[in-house]
Amino acid sequence: MDTINKIMMLLEKNNLSQKELTDYLELDKSTFSAWKNGKSKSFYKYLSQIANFLNVSTDYLLGKNLKSDIDIRRIARARNKMPEEDQERMMKVLELTFSKYFNDDFIDDDIDE
């Protein structure tokens, strides 16, 4: 599947519209039509933002990582909708419930989000 078809599939799968994506990118909706019709490949310069919007990696959009992790994307989408307090509570629940898998979480402790 090529990149633009993957973007369209992800929009549909996530119940998002092309207009929502173009609004997010601050582009005219005709730009997306040009992408779909193969008249423009300018979406490549927005790939990072598109991946962010769809909660996937740029590698996934480019077909470099064919194995997607749907559960992680679902959790990320839910987390993005939560207030900070709920995000912290969610992490604590995950850490307590699955503590044996969080034994190396110190690796990311110094990364600013």
N, C-alpha and C. Protein backbone atom coordinates (compact mmCIF):
# COMPACT_ATOMS: atom_id res chain seq x y z
N MET A 1 0.85 -1.17 0.00
CA MET A 1 0.00 0.00 0.00
C MET A 1 0.90 1.24 0.00
N ASP A 2 0.61 2.17 -0.87
CA ASP A 2 1.44 3.38 -0.92
C ASP A 2 1.07 4.32 0.23
N THR A 3 1.88 5.33 0.43
CA THR A 3 1.76 6.21 1.60
C THR A 3 0.43 6.93 1.65
N ILE A 4 -0.02 7.50 0.56
CA ILE A 4 -1.27 8.28 0.60
C ILE A 4 -2.47 7.36 0.87
N ASN A 5 -2.45 6.15 0.32
CA ASN A 5 -3.54 5.20 0.61
C ASN A 5 -3.50 4.76 2.07
N LYS A 6 -2.31 4.64 2.62
CA LYS A 6 -2.18 4.29 4.04
C LYS A 6 -2.74 5.42 4.90
N ILE A 7 -2.46 6.67 4.52
CA ILE A 7 -3.00 7.82 5.25
C ILE A 7 -4.52 7.81 5.20
N MET A 8 -5.08 7.57 4.03
CA MET A 8 -6.54 7.54 3.89
C MET A 8 -7.14 6.40 4.70
N MET A 9 -6.50 5.24 4.70
CA MET A 9 -6.99 4.09 5.46
C MET A 9 -6.97 4.41 6.96
N LEU A 10 -5.91 5.05 7.44
CA LEU A 10 -5.82 5.40 8.85
C LEU A 10 -6.83 6.46 9.25
N LEU A 11 -7.08 7.40 8.36
CA LEU A 11 -8.12 8.40 8.64
C LEU A 11 -9.46 7.70 8.84
N GLU A 12 -9.79 6.81 7.92
CA GLU A 12 -11.06 6.09 8.01
C GLU A 12 -11.12 5.23 9.27
N LYS A 13 -10.05 4.50 9.53
CA LYS A 13 -10.00 3.60 10.69
C LYS A 13 -10.17 4.36 12.00
N ASN A 14 -9.68 5.60 12.04
CA ASN A 14 -9.74 6.42 13.25
C ASN A 14 -10.91 7.41 13.24
N ASN A 15 -11.82 7.21 12.28
CA ASN A 15 -12.99 8.09 12.16
C ASN A 15 -12.60 9.57 12.08
N LEU A 16 -11.58 9.83 11.30
CA LEU A 16 -11.12 11.19 11.08
C LEU A 16 -11.37 11.56 9.63
N SER A 17 -11.59 12.83 9.39
CA SER A 17 -11.86 13.27 8.02
C SER A 17 -10.60 13.88 7.39
N GLN A 18 -10.62 13.95 6.07
CA GLN A 18 -9.53 14.59 5.36
C GLN A 18 -9.46 16.06 5.76
N LYS A 19 -10.62 16.66 5.98
CA LYS A 19 -10.67 18.07 6.40
C LYS A 19 -10.00 18.26 7.75
N GLU A 20 -10.22 17.33 8.68
CA GLU A 20 -9.56 17.44 9.99
C GLU A 20 -8.04 17.40 9.83
N LEU A 21 -7.57 16.55 8.94
CA LEU A 21 -6.13 16.47 8.71
C LEU A 21 -5.61 17.75 8.08
N THR A 22 -6.29 18.24 7.04
CA THR A 22 -5.81 19.46 6.38
C THR A 22 -5.92 20.67 7.31
N ASP A 23 -6.95 20.70 8.17
CA ASP A 23 -7.04 21.78 9.17
C ASP A 23 -5.86 21.70 10.13
N TYR A 24 -5.54 20.48 10.58
CA TYR A 24 -4.42 20.27 11.49
C TYR A 24 -3.12 20.75 10.84
N LEU A 25 -2.98 20.48 9.55
CA LEU A 25 -1.76 20.86 8.82
C LEU A 25 -1.81 22.31 8.33
N GLU A 26 -2.97 22.96 8.56
CA GLU A 26 -3.20 24.33 8.09
C GLU A 26 -3.03 24.44 6.57
N LEU A 27 -3.66 23.49 5.87
CA LEU A 27 -3.63 23.45 4.41
C LEU A 27 -5.05 23.54 3.87
N ASP A 28 -5.18 23.95 2.65
CA ASP A 28 -6.46 23.95 1.97
C ASP A 28 -6.87 22.52 1.67
N LYS A 29 -8.15 22.20 1.76
CA LYS A 29 -8.58 20.82 1.54
C LYS A 29 -8.32 20.34 0.11
N SER A 30 -8.17 21.27 -0.82
CA SER A 30 -7.85 20.88 -2.20
C SER A 30 -6.47 20.24 -2.29
N THR A 31 -5.63 20.55 -1.33
CA THR A 31 -4.29 19.96 -1.29
C THR A 31 -4.38 18.45 -1.15
N PHE A 32 -5.29 18.00 -0.28
CA PHE A 32 -5.46 16.56 -0.08
C PHE A 32 -5.97 15.91 -1.35
N SER A 33 -6.87 16.58 -2.05
CA SER A 33 -7.37 16.05 -3.33
C SER A 33 -6.22 15.88 -4.32
N ALA A 34 -5.32 16.83 -4.34
CA ALA A 34 -4.16 16.74 -5.24
C ALA A 34 -3.28 15.55 -4.85
N TRP A 35 -3.16 15.30 -3.55
CA TRP A 35 -2.39 14.14 -3.09
C TRP A 35 -3.06 12.85 -3.55
N LYS A 36 -4.38 12.77 -3.33
CA LYS A 36 -5.12 11.56 -3.70
C LYS A 36 -5.05 11.28 -5.20
N ASN A 37 -5.13 12.34 -5.98
CA ASN A 37 -5.14 12.18 -7.43
C ASN A 37 -3.75 12.05 -8.03
N GLY A 38 -2.74 12.05 -7.19
CA GLY A 38 -1.37 11.89 -7.67
C GLY A 38 -0.80 13.12 -8.34
N LYS A 39 -1.47 14.26 -8.19
CA LYS A 39 -1.00 15.49 -8.81
C LYS A 39 0.09 16.18 -7.99
N SER A 40 0.20 15.76 -6.73
CA SER A 40 1.21 16.34 -5.85
C SER A 40 1.68 15.29 -4.85
N LYS A 41 2.94 15.34 -4.55
CA LYS A 41 3.52 14.47 -3.52
C LYS A 41 4.01 15.33 -2.35
N SER A 42 3.45 16.53 -2.23
CA SER A 42 3.91 17.45 -1.18
C SER A 42 3.64 16.93 0.22
N PHE A 43 2.84 15.87 0.33
CA PHE A 43 2.57 15.32 1.66
C PHE A 43 3.85 14.82 2.33
N TYR A 44 4.87 14.50 1.53
CA TYR A 44 6.12 14.02 2.12
C TYR A 44 6.74 15.05 3.07
N LYS A 45 6.58 16.34 2.76
CA LYS A 45 7.17 17.34 3.65
C LYS A 45 6.35 17.51 4.93
N TYR A 46 5.14 16.96 4.96
CA TYR A 46 4.29 17.01 6.16
C TYR A 46 4.23 15.66 6.87
N LEU A 47 5.04 14.72 6.44
CA LEU A 47 4.93 13.34 6.92
C LEU A 47 5.03 13.22 8.44
N SER A 48 5.93 13.97 9.03
CA SER A 48 6.09 13.91 10.48
C SER A 48 4.83 14.39 11.19
N GLN A 49 4.26 15.49 10.71
CA GLN A 49 3.03 16.02 11.30
C GLN A 49 1.85 15.07 11.07
N ILE A 50 1.78 14.47 9.89
CA ILE A 50 0.71 13.53 9.58
C ILE A 50 0.82 12.31 10.49
N ALA A 51 2.02 11.80 10.66
CA ALA A 51 2.23 10.65 11.54
C ALA A 51 1.81 10.99 12.97
N ASN A 52 2.16 12.19 13.41
CA ASN A 52 1.77 12.65 14.74
C ASN A 52 0.25 12.67 14.87
N PHE A 53 -0.41 13.23 13.89
CA PHE A 53 -1.87 13.34 13.89
C PHE A 53 -2.53 11.97 13.95
N LEU A 54 -1.94 11.00 13.26
CA LEU A 54 -2.52 9.65 13.17
C LEU A 54 -1.97 8.69 14.23
N ASN A 55 -1.06 9.18 15.07
CA ASN A 55 -0.45 8.34 16.12
C ASN A 55 0.24 7.11 15.55
N VAL A 56 1.00 7.31 14.50
CA VAL A 56 1.82 6.24 13.91
C VAL A 56 3.20 6.82 13.65
N SER A 57 4.12 5.98 13.30
CA SER A 57 5.47 6.46 12.97
C SER A 57 5.54 6.82 11.49
N THR A 58 6.51 7.65 11.16
CA THR A 58 6.74 7.96 9.75
C THR A 58 7.17 6.70 9.01
N ASP A 59 7.93 5.84 9.68
CA ASP A 59 8.33 4.57 9.06
C ASP A 59 7.10 3.75 8.68
N TYR A 60 6.11 3.72 9.55
CA TYR A 60 4.89 2.97 9.23
C TYR A 60 4.21 3.56 7.99
N LEU A 61 4.10 4.89 7.93
CA LEU A 61 3.47 5.52 6.76
C LEU A 61 4.25 5.23 5.48
N LEU A 62 5.56 5.12 5.61
CA LEU A 62 6.40 4.85 4.44
C LEU A 62 6.51 3.36 4.11
N GLY A 63 5.89 2.53 4.95
CA GLY A 63 5.91 1.09 4.70
C GLY A 63 7.17 0.41 5.18
N LYS A 64 7.96 1.11 5.98
CA LYS A 64 9.20 0.52 6.48
C LYS A 64 8.97 -0.38 7.68
N ASN A 65 7.88 -0.15 8.38
CA ASN A 65 7.55 -0.95 9.56
C ASN A 65 6.14 -1.49 9.36
N LEU A 66 6.03 -2.66 8.76
CA LEU A 66 4.72 -3.18 8.40
C LEU A 66 3.92 -3.69 9.58
N LYS A 67 4.59 -3.98 10.69
CA LYS A 67 3.88 -4.48 11.86
C LYS A 67 3.48 -3.31 12.74
N SER A 68 2.20 -2.96 12.74
CA SER A 68 1.74 -1.86 13.58
C SER A 68 1.22 -2.42 14.89
N ASP A 69 1.27 -1.62 15.90
CA ASP A 69 0.78 -2.04 17.20
C ASP A 69 -0.48 -1.25 17.52
N ILE A 70 -1.61 -1.81 17.16
CA ILE A 70 -2.89 -1.14 17.30
C ILE A 70 -3.18 -0.79 18.75
N ASP A 71 -2.88 -1.68 19.68
CA ASP A 71 -3.16 -1.40 21.09
C ASP A 71 -2.39 -0.19 21.59
N ILE A 72 -1.13 -0.08 21.22
CA ILE A 72 -0.33 1.07 21.65
C ILE A 72 -0.91 2.35 21.08
N ARG A 73 -1.32 2.33 19.83
CA ARG A 73 -1.94 3.53 19.23
C ARG A 73 -3.24 3.88 19.94
N ARG A 74 -4.03 2.87 20.29
CA ARG A 74 -5.29 3.14 21.01
C ARG A 74 -5.00 3.78 22.37
N ILE A 75 -4.01 3.25 23.07
CA ILE A 75 -3.65 3.80 24.37
C ILE A 75 -3.15 5.24 24.20
N ALA A 76 -2.34 5.47 23.19
CA ALA A 76 -1.81 6.82 22.95
C ALA A 76 -2.93 7.80 22.63
N ARG A 77 -3.89 7.38 21.81
CA ARG A 77 -5.03 8.27 21.49
C ARG A 77 -5.83 8.59 22.75
N ALA A 78 -6.09 7.57 23.57
CA ALA A 78 -6.85 7.79 24.80
C ALA A 78 -6.07 8.73 25.73
N ARG A 79 -4.76 8.49 25.85
CA ARG A 79 -3.92 9.31 26.73
C ARG A 79 -3.92 10.76 26.28
N ASN A 80 -3.89 10.99 24.98
CA ASN A 80 -3.87 12.36 24.45
C ASN A 80 -5.15 13.12 24.78
N LYS A 81 -6.23 12.40 25.03
CA LYS A 81 -7.51 13.04 25.36
C LYS A 81 -7.65 13.33 26.85
N MET A 82 -6.79 12.74 27.66
CA MET A 82 -6.91 12.82 29.12
C MET A 82 -6.25 14.07 29.68
N PRO A 83 -6.81 14.57 30.79
CA PRO A 83 -6.08 15.62 31.52
C PRO A 83 -4.83 14.99 32.14
N GLU A 84 -3.87 15.81 32.48
CA GLU A 84 -2.58 15.33 32.98
C GLU A 84 -2.73 14.41 34.20
N GLU A 85 -3.65 14.76 35.08
CA GLU A 85 -3.87 13.95 36.29
C GLU A 85 -4.27 12.52 35.93
N ASP A 86 -5.14 12.35 34.94
CA ASP A 86 -5.55 11.01 34.52
C ASP A 86 -4.43 10.28 33.80
N GLN A 87 -3.59 11.02 33.08
CA GLN A 87 -2.44 10.40 32.42
C GLN A 87 -1.50 9.79 33.46
N GLU A 88 -1.27 10.55 34.53
CA GLU A 88 -0.40 10.05 35.59
C GLU A 88 -1.02 8.84 36.28
N ARG A 89 -2.33 8.87 36.51
CA ARG A 89 -3.02 7.76 37.14
C ARG A 89 -2.95 6.52 36.25
N MET A 90 -3.11 6.71 34.94
CA MET A 90 -3.04 5.59 34.00
C MET A 90 -1.65 4.93 34.07
N MET A 91 -0.59 5.74 34.09
CA MET A 91 0.76 5.18 34.16
C MET A 91 0.96 4.41 35.46
N LYS A 92 0.46 4.93 36.56
CA LYS A 92 0.61 4.24 37.84
C LYS A 92 -0.11 2.89 37.82
N VAL A 93 -1.29 2.86 37.24
CA VAL A 93 -2.05 1.60 37.14
C VAL A 93 -1.27 0.60 36.29
N LEU A 94 -0.75 1.05 35.16
CA LEU A 94 0.03 0.17 34.29
C LEU A 94 1.29 -0.34 35.00
N GLU A 95 1.99 0.57 35.66
CA GLU A 95 3.23 0.19 36.36
C GLU A 95 2.95 -0.80 37.49
N LEU A 96 1.87 -0.58 38.25
CA LEU A 96 1.54 -1.50 39.34
C LEU A 96 1.06 -2.85 38.82
N THR A 97 0.24 -2.81 37.79
CA THR A 97 -0.33 -4.04 37.24
C THR A 97 0.74 -4.88 36.54
N PHE A 98 1.67 -4.23 35.87
CA PHE A 98 2.65 -4.95 35.07
C PHE A 98 4.08 -4.61 35.52
N SER A 99 4.28 -4.55 36.82
CA SER A 99 5.56 -4.09 37.38
C SER A 99 6.76 -4.89 36.88
N LYS A 100 6.59 -6.18 36.65
CA LYS A 100 7.74 -6.98 36.22
C LYS A 100 8.24 -6.57 34.83
N TYR A 101 7.41 -5.87 34.05
CA TYR A 101 7.81 -5.43 32.71
C TYR A 101 8.36 -4.01 32.71
N PHE A 102 8.24 -3.31 33.82
CA PHE A 102 8.69 -1.92 33.91
C PHE A 102 10.03 -1.80 34.62
N ASN A 103 10.79 -2.88 34.71
CA ASN A 103 12.04 -2.84 35.45
C ASN A 103 13.15 -2.03 34.77
N ASP A 104 12.98 -1.68 33.49
CA ASP A 104 14.00 -0.89 32.81
C ASP A 104 13.50 0.49 32.42
N ASP A 105 12.43 0.94 33.05
CA ASP A 105 11.85 2.22 32.66
C ASP A 105 12.72 3.43 32.99
N PHE A 106 13.75 3.23 33.79
CA PHE A 106 14.67 4.33 34.12
C PHE A 106 15.41 4.81 32.86
N ILE A 107 15.44 4.02 31.81
CA ILE A 107 16.16 4.38 30.59
C ILE A 107 15.66 5.70 30.02
N ASP A 108 14.34 5.96 30.11
CA ASP A 108 13.75 7.16 29.54
C ASP A 108 13.55 8.28 30.55
N ASP A 109 13.98 8.10 31.78
CA ASP A 109 13.71 9.08 32.83
C ASP A 109 14.25 10.48 32.53
N ASP A 110 15.32 10.57 31.76
CA ASP A 110 15.90 11.88 31.52
C ASP A 110 15.43 12.54 30.23
N ILE A 111 14.45 11.94 29.58
CA ILE A 111 13.93 12.48 28.32
C ILE A 111 12.82 13.46 28.64
N ASP A 112 12.93 14.68 28.10
CA ASP A 112 11.87 15.68 28.26
C ASP A 112 10.78 15.40 27.25
N GLU A 113 9.54 15.47 27.69
CA GLU A 113 8.42 15.27 26.76
C GLU A 113 7.91 16.58 26.28
